[in-house]
């Protein structure tokens, strides 16, 4: 337990808050808005997030209200029924986030037609799918033994008179501890959300240093920024069949007086030759656009100039390969890197 200089116990409220929801409901947008940093990549395409990503928020003490707090938000992949090994890995990330949490935020997009426990038979296949996916999400939260907040997102996109009936309908589905409407884009409702979260967190210790806003290493964040650029620059199945692995990451020496340049070589994996052709583009134009877009964001992240080299590798059916999918987890990559460095020392 931390102490003040006078020896008094310094009370801090802290805990892990899992962010749950179907694809494209605004989980990563909310995380970035709460942290004030680009912790998670964001695109208009669903299933952008593939891993658990922690974003750390320091909340100052409020006299007469609460002590200082540290909230560790855990962004998760969009909840959907798995159809591939990659999907199953993403669902595993969701379950792991739910294992160590003090609170769960369930996000629902108010602009989308939410279908839960309807007695009538859905009219068509898309209706059945929507209903099934919503029920799948709620089947996860009904098993939880911790407080669950329902967070209604994108409220700036609907009229206020449409919001109340939706709240009343969803309140019947689960005994939510709180129902909080927000707009991450407009920063509407975020102060209320943070205050309500702090109220339910236990008193404990900080899990991260005050100045740390994520658990992700720079290498993984760089890989994600490259993948974000792929999501923006390409369409159809290509973004979902693409993965990025950092092969080389050379940081500039801090003692050097020369211009600071971080040198990065990354492999972009896809599943078919046709996808590779799309990623490279005519005369390499598409790959150049992907690299240029990513490099600007990486330079902003690292605070140095960046030399970025990309090349495309075809790995047939990688989304169905458990070994390959596991290798994309940055936690496994760090373990492999540490083992490799240890082996080089011994030799």
Protein backbone atom coordinates (compact mmCIF):
# COMPACT_ATOMS: atom_id res chain seq x y z
CA UNK A 1 0.00 0.00 0.00
CA UNK A 2 1.48 3.42 -0.96
CA UNK A 3 2.17 5.96 1.78
CA UNK A 4 2.50 9.77 1.98
CA UNK A 5 5.69 11.48 3.22
CA UNK A 6 4.06 11.86 6.66
CA UNK A 7 3.54 8.10 6.86
CA UNK A 8 -0.23 8.13 6.35
CA UNK A 9 -1.74 5.48 4.12
CA UNK A 10 -2.44 6.85 0.62
CA UNK A 11 -5.82 5.47 -0.41
CA UNK A 12 -6.20 4.75 -4.10
CA UNK A 13 -9.18 3.16 -5.79
CA UNK A 14 -8.10 0.89 -8.61
CA UNK A 15 -9.31 -1.98 -10.74
CA UNK A 16 -9.78 -3.56 -14.14
CA UNK A 17 -12.76 -2.61 -16.29
CA UNK A 18 -13.49 -4.86 -19.29
CA UNK A 19 -15.11 -3.20 -22.32
CA UNK A 20 -17.45 -5.61 -24.08
CA UNK A 21 -19.66 -5.30 -27.13
CA UNK A 22 -20.44 -6.47 -30.63
CA UNK A 23 -18.14 -5.40 -33.49
CA UNK A 24 -18.13 -1.71 -34.41
CA UNK A 25 -20.07 -0.39 -31.40
CA UNK A 26 -17.32 2.10 -30.51
CA UNK A 27 -15.23 0.23 -27.90
CA UNK A 28 -11.86 1.44 -29.16
CA UNK A 29 -13.18 4.96 -29.79
CA UNK A 30 -14.38 5.09 -26.18
CA UNK A 31 -11.05 3.78 -24.87
CA UNK A 32 -9.10 6.42 -26.82
CA UNK A 33 -11.45 9.18 -25.63
CA UNK A 34 -11.12 8.11 -21.99
CA UNK A 35 -7.32 7.85 -22.05
CA UNK A 36 -6.77 10.89 -24.25
CA UNK A 37 -4.31 8.79 -26.27
CA UNK A 38 -4.44 6.60 -29.39
CA UNK A 39 -4.31 3.33 -27.49
CA UNK A 40 -6.36 1.30 -30.00
CA UNK A 41 -6.66 1.61 -33.77
CA UNK A 42 -10.04 2.71 -35.07
CA UNK A 43 -11.66 2.25 -38.47
CA UNK A 44 -15.19 2.05 -39.83
CA UNK A 45 -14.66 -1.66 -40.52
CA UNK A 46 -15.94 -4.20 -37.96
CA UNK A 47 -13.58 -6.53 -36.07
CA UNK A 48 -10.71 -4.04 -36.16
CA UNK A 49 -9.52 -5.05 -32.66
CA UNK A 50 -8.00 -8.54 -32.40
CA UNK A 51 -6.30 -8.46 -28.98
CA UNK A 52 -6.93 -7.37 -25.43
CA UNK A 53 -5.61 -3.83 -25.09
CA UNK A 54 -5.28 -2.04 -21.77
CA UNK A 55 -5.70 1.72 -21.46
CA UNK A 56 -4.84 3.33 -18.12
CA UNK A 57 -6.70 6.39 -16.81
CA UNK A 58 -5.59 8.37 -13.76
CA UNK A 59 -8.50 10.04 -11.96
CA UNK A 60 -7.60 12.87 -9.53
CA UNK A 61 -9.08 12.81 -6.04
CA UNK A 62 -12.27 14.80 -5.50
CA UNK A 63 -12.62 16.22 -2.00
CA UNK A 64 -15.68 14.83 -0.30
CA UNK A 65 -16.39 12.51 -3.25
CA UNK A 66 -13.62 9.94 -3.79
CA UNK A 67 -9.87 9.43 -3.45
CA UNK A 68 -7.54 9.30 -6.42
CA UNK A 69 -8.14 6.34 -8.71
CA UNK A 70 -6.45 4.35 -11.45
CA UNK A 71 -8.81 2.68 -13.92
CA UNK A 72 -7.36 0.00 -16.19
CA UNK A 73 -9.74 -0.30 -19.13
CA UNK A 74 -9.39 -3.50 -21.15
CA UNK A 75 -10.60 -3.19 -24.73
CA UNK A 76 -11.63 -6.51 -26.27
CA UNK A 77 -12.37 -7.80 -29.78
CA UNK A 78 -15.96 -7.46 -30.92
CA UNK A 79 -18.11 -10.31 -29.60
CA UNK A 80 -19.33 -12.50 -32.45
CA UNK A 81 -19.76 -16.22 -33.03
CA UNK A 82 -16.39 -17.61 -34.16
CA UNK A 83 -16.03 -18.94 -37.69
CA UNK A 84 -12.23 -19.38 -37.88
CA UNK A 85 -9.23 -20.04 -35.63
CA UNK A 86 -8.58 -16.30 -35.59
CA UNK A 87 -12.18 -15.70 -34.46
CA UNK A 88 -11.80 -18.33 -31.73
CA UNK A 89 -8.60 -16.65 -30.55
CA UNK A 90 -10.38 -13.29 -30.46
CA UNK A 91 -13.20 -14.80 -28.38
CA UNK A 92 -10.58 -16.30 -26.07
CA UNK A 93 -9.23 -12.76 -25.57
CA UNK A 94 -12.73 -11.71 -24.49
CA UNK A 95 -13.02 -14.57 -21.97
CA UNK A 96 -9.57 -13.81 -20.56
CA UNK A 97 -10.52 -10.17 -20.07
CA UNK A 98 -13.62 -11.28 -18.15
CA UNK A 99 -11.59 -13.52 -15.83
CA UNK A 100 -9.75 -10.64 -14.11
CA UNK A 101 -12.17 -7.72 -13.89
CA UNK A 102 -13.83 -5.66 -11.21
CA UNK A 103 -16.44 -4.21 -13.54
CA UNK A 104 -17.73 -4.81 -17.07
CA UNK A 105 -18.96 -2.18 -19.51
CA UNK A 106 -21.34 -3.56 -22.13
CA UNK A 107 -21.51 -1.20 -25.10
CA UNK A 108 -24.57 -1.04 -27.33
CA UNK A 109 -24.74 1.14 -30.44
CA UNK A 110 -28.02 3.09 -30.25
CA UNK A 111 -28.09 3.56 -34.03
CA UNK A 112 -28.27 -0.20 -34.65
CA UNK A 113 -31.37 -2.36 -34.48
CA UNK A 114 -30.84 -4.38 -31.30
CA UNK A 115 -32.65 -7.73 -31.23
CA UNK A 116 -33.03 -9.62 -27.97
CA UNK A 117 -35.36 -12.39 -26.86
CA UNK A 118 -38.03 -11.72 -29.48
CA UNK A 119 -40.79 -14.31 -29.43
CA UNK A 120 -41.61 -13.80 -33.09
CA UNK A 121 -39.64 -15.69 -35.72
CA UNK A 122 -37.24 -13.30 -37.54
CA UNK A 123 -38.34 -12.58 -41.07
CA UNK A 124 -35.09 -13.27 -42.86
CA UNK A 125 -31.60 -14.66 -42.40
CA UNK A 126 -30.01 -11.29 -41.56
CA UNK A 127 -32.60 -10.73 -38.81
CA UNK A 128 -31.89 -14.19 -37.37
CA UNK A 129 -28.16 -13.44 -37.42
CA UNK A 130 -28.58 -10.07 -35.67
CA UNK A 131 -30.80 -11.55 -32.98
CA UNK A 132 -28.45 -14.50 -32.47
CA UNK A 133 -25.36 -12.27 -32.11
CA UNK A 134 -27.05 -9.97 -29.58
CA UNK A 135 -28.20 -12.98 -27.56
CA UNK A 136 -24.69 -14.42 -27.73
CA UNK A 137 -23.31 -11.22 -26.17
CA UNK A 138 -25.93 -11.19 -23.41
CA UNK A 139 -25.32 -14.89 -22.69
CA UNK A 140 -21.77 -13.89 -21.67
CA UNK A 141 -22.77 -11.13 -19.29
CA UNK A 142 -25.56 -13.12 -17.63
CA UNK A 143 -22.86 -15.44 -16.24
CA UNK A 144 -20.91 -12.60 -14.57
CA UNK A 145 -20.80 -12.08 -10.82
CA UNK A 146 -19.50 -8.49 -10.93
CA UNK A 147 -21.25 -5.16 -11.55
CA UNK A 148 -22.19 -4.58 -15.20
CA UNK A 149 -22.77 -1.13 -16.68
CA UNK A 150 -24.73 -0.76 -19.90
CA UNK A 151 -23.11 2.02 -21.93
CA UNK A 152 -25.20 3.30 -24.85
CA UNK A 153 -22.87 4.72 -27.50
CA UNK A 154 -23.22 7.20 -30.38
CA UNK A 155 -26.10 9.06 -28.71
CA UNK A 156 -25.24 12.16 -30.76
CA UNK A 157 -26.63 10.35 -33.81
CA UNK A 158 -30.22 9.90 -32.58
CA UNK A 159 -32.95 12.13 -31.14
CA UNK A 160 -33.35 12.21 -27.35
CA UNK A 161 -36.97 11.08 -27.58
CA UNK A 162 -35.74 7.86 -29.22
CA UNK A 163 -33.30 7.12 -26.39
CA UNK A 164 -35.70 6.64 -23.47
CA UNK A 165 -37.71 3.74 -25.00
CA UNK A 166 -34.43 2.00 -25.84
CA UNK A 167 -33.19 2.37 -22.25
CA UNK A 168 -36.46 0.99 -20.91
CA UNK A 169 -36.31 -1.98 -23.26
CA UNK A 170 -32.68 -2.90 -22.50
CA UNK A 171 -33.15 -2.44 -18.74
CA UNK A 172 -35.45 -5.50 -18.84
CA UNK A 173 -32.73 -7.72 -20.28
CA UNK A 174 -30.33 -7.64 -17.33
CA UNK A 175 -29.96 -6.17 -13.86
CA UNK A 176 -27.47 -3.48 -14.91
CA UNK A 177 -25.79 -1.58 -12.07
CA UNK A 178 -25.91 1.57 -14.23
CA UNK A 179 -27.20 2.57 -17.66
CA UNK A 180 -25.15 5.45 -19.04
CA UNK A 181 -25.62 7.09 -22.48
CA UNK A 182 -22.42 8.53 -23.99
CA UNK A 183 -20.95 9.98 -27.15
CA UNK A 184 -17.20 9.34 -27.22
CA UNK A 185 -16.87 11.51 -30.33
CA UNK A 186 -18.48 14.50 -28.58
CA UNK A 187 -17.08 13.58 -25.11
CA UNK A 188 -20.65 13.62 -23.84
CA UNK A 189 -21.35 11.57 -20.71
CA UNK A 190 -17.72 10.48 -20.18
CA UNK A 191 -17.31 12.37 -16.87
CA UNK A 192 -20.42 10.67 -15.51
CA UNK A 193 -19.16 7.28 -16.70
CA UNK A 194 -15.75 7.74 -15.02
CA UNK A 195 -17.34 8.95 -11.77
CA UNK A 196 -19.70 5.96 -11.62
CA UNK A 197 -16.81 3.57 -12.34
CA UNK A 198 -14.70 5.02 -9.53
CA UNK A 199 -17.64 4.59 -7.14
CA UNK A 200 -17.64 0.79 -7.55
CA UNK A 201 -13.88 0.14 -7.72
CA UNK A 202 -12.17 -1.36 -4.66
CA UNK A 203 -9.46 0.42 -2.70
CA UNK A 204 -6.05 -0.93 -3.63
CA UNK A 205 -2.80 -0.06 -5.35
CA UNK A 206 -1.85 1.32 -8.74
CA UNK A 207 -1.18 -1.40 -11.28
CA UNK A 208 0.82 0.89 -13.59
CA UNK A 209 3.06 3.95 -13.10
CA UNK A 210 1.18 7.24 -13.20
CA UNK A 211 2.62 8.25 -16.58
CA UNK A 212 1.90 4.94 -18.37
CA UNK A 213 -1.25 4.89 -20.48
CA UNK A 214 -1.14 1.36 -21.95
CA UNK A 215 0.39 -2.07 -21.44
CA UNK A 216 1.31 -2.44 -25.11
CA UNK A 217 4.97 -2.37 -26.17
CA UNK A 218 5.93 0.04 -28.95
CA UNK A 219 6.53 -2.84 -31.40
CA UNK A 220 2.92 -4.01 -31.15
CA UNK A 221 1.51 -0.50 -31.40
CA UNK A 222 3.57 0.03 -34.56
CA UNK A 223 2.25 -3.23 -36.05
CA UNK A 224 -1.31 -2.12 -35.24
CA UNK A 225 -0.79 1.27 -36.91
CA UNK A 226 0.39 -0.51 -40.07
CA UNK A 227 -2.66 -2.78 -39.90
CA UNK A 228 -4.89 0.27 -39.44
CA UNK A 229 -3.43 1.72 -42.63
CA UNK A 230 -4.21 -1.57 -44.44
CA UNK A 231 -7.81 -1.43 -43.16
CA UNK A 232 -8.16 2.12 -44.47
CA UNK A 233 -6.47 1.57 -47.83
CA UNK A 234 -7.99 -1.79 -48.85
CA UNK A 235 -11.47 -3.29 -49.10
CA UNK A 236 -13.45 -6.51 -49.30
CA UNK A 237 -11.73 -9.50 -47.68
CA UNK A 238 -8.14 -8.15 -47.80
CA UNK A 239 -8.13 -6.33 -44.41
CA UNK A 240 -9.44 -9.41 -42.59
CA UNK A 241 -6.94 -11.73 -44.27
CA UNK A 242 -4.00 -9.46 -43.38
CA UNK A 243 -1.67 -9.62 -40.40
CA UNK A 244 1.43 -7.58 -39.56
CA UNK A 245 4.60 -8.82 -37.87
CA UNK A 246 7.50 -6.52 -36.97
CA UNK A 247 10.69 -8.25 -38.11
CA UNK A 248 13.16 -5.54 -37.17
CA UNK A 249 12.83 -2.59 -34.79
CA UNK A 250 15.97 -0.48 -34.31
CA UNK A 251 15.61 2.48 -31.98
CA UNK A 252 18.06 5.39 -32.26
CA UNK A 253 20.83 5.61 -29.67
CA UNK A 254 19.91 8.18 -27.03
CA UNK A 255 23.51 9.40 -26.84
CA UNK A 256 23.78 10.03 -30.58
CA UNK A 257 23.80 13.64 -31.74
CA UNK A 258 22.75 12.60 -35.21
CA UNK A 259 19.16 12.89 -36.46
CA UNK A 260 17.08 10.32 -34.57
CA UNK A 261 15.65 7.69 -36.93
CA UNK A 262 13.82 4.53 -35.91
CA UNK A 263 14.30 1.79 -38.49
CA UNK A 264 11.44 -0.69 -38.87
CA UNK A 265 11.00 -3.66 -41.20
CA UNK A 266 7.57 -5.31 -41.17
CA UNK A 267 6.01 -8.26 -42.94
CA UNK A 268 2.41 -8.04 -44.10
CA UNK A 269 0.87 -11.52 -44.29
CA UNK A 270 -2.11 -12.43 -46.46
CA UNK A 271 -3.63 -15.73 -47.58
CA UNK A 272 -3.70 -15.63 -51.39
CA UNK A 273 -1.66 -14.33 -54.32
CA UNK A 274 -4.63 -12.19 -55.40
CA UNK A 275 -4.64 -10.46 -52.01
CA UNK A 276 -0.90 -9.88 -52.29
CA UNK A 277 -1.41 -8.21 -55.67
CA UNK A 278 -4.04 -5.89 -54.15
CA UNK A 279 -1.79 -5.02 -51.19
CA UNK A 280 1.12 -4.16 -53.48
CA UNK A 281 -0.93 -2.41 -56.15
CA UNK A 282 0.12 -1.30 -59.60
CA UNK A 283 3.81 -0.49 -59.55
CA UNK A 284 3.79 -0.82 -55.75
CA UNK A 285 1.49 2.19 -55.35
CA UNK A 286 -0.86 0.63 -52.79
CA UNK A 287 1.93 -0.65 -50.54
CA UNK A 288 3.56 2.78 -50.72
CA UNK A 289 0.28 4.45 -49.66
CA UNK A 290 -0.08 1.98 -46.78
CA UNK A 291 3.48 2.69 -45.66
CA UNK A 292 3.16 6.47 -45.96
CA UNK A 293 -0.05 6.56 -43.94
CA UNK A 294 1.38 4.31 -41.25
CA UNK A 295 4.73 6.12 -41.06
CA UNK A 296 3.15 9.47 -40.19
CA UNK A 297 1.26 7.89 -37.27
CA UNK A 298 4.32 5.93 -36.12
CA UNK A 299 6.44 9.09 -36.09
CA UNK A 300 3.80 10.78 -33.96
CA UNK A 301 3.79 7.80 -31.58
CA UNK A 302 7.57 7.42 -31.25
CA UNK A 303 8.61 11.07 -31.50
CA UNK A 304 11.36 10.27 -34.03
CA UNK A 305 11.69 10.10 -37.77
CA UNK A 306 10.89 6.63 -39.08
CA UNK A 307 12.32 4.54 -41.88
CA UNK A 308 9.63 1.94 -42.64
CA UNK A 309 10.08 -0.98 -45.01
CA UNK A 310 7.12 -3.25 -45.81
CA UNK A 311 7.01 -6.50 -47.75
CA UNK A 312 4.12 -8.88 -48.39
CA UNK A 313 4.19 -12.63 -47.69
CA UNK A 314 1.52 -15.16 -48.69
CA UNK A 315 0.73 -17.58 -45.86
CA UNK A 316 -2.16 -19.74 -47.16
CA UNK A 317 -4.97 -20.22 -44.65
CA UNK A 318 -3.17 -18.53 -41.75
CA UNK A 319 -6.46 -17.62 -40.05
CA UNK A 320 -7.10 -21.35 -39.53
CA UNK A 321 -3.59 -22.02 -38.18
CA UNK A 322 -3.56 -22.06 -34.38
CA UNK A 323 0.24 -21.80 -34.29
CA UNK A 324 0.33 -18.79 -36.60
CA UNK A 325 -2.57 -17.02 -34.87
CA UNK A 326 -0.93 -17.55 -31.47
CA UNK A 327 2.33 -16.11 -32.83
CA UNK A 328 0.56 -12.81 -33.57
CA UNK A 329 -0.11 -12.18 -29.86
CA UNK A 330 2.39 -9.55 -28.72
CA UNK A 331 2.76 -11.33 -25.37
CA UNK A 332 3.99 -14.44 -27.18
CA UNK A 333 6.18 -12.31 -29.44
CA UNK A 334 7.87 -10.73 -26.40
CA UNK A 335 8.51 -14.17 -24.89
CA UNK A 336 10.02 -15.42 -28.17
CA UNK A 337 12.15 -12.26 -28.48
CA UNK A 338 13.46 -12.63 -24.91
CA UNK A 339 14.30 -16.31 -25.52
CA UNK A 340 16.10 -15.40 -28.75
CA UNK A 341 18.15 -12.68 -27.05
CA UNK A 342 19.03 -15.05 -24.21
CA UNK A 343 20.18 -17.65 -26.74
CA UNK A 344 22.37 -15.08 -28.53
CA UNK A 345 24.03 -14.17 -25.21
CA UNK A 346 24.82 -17.80 -24.42
CA UNK A 347 26.32 -18.40 -27.88
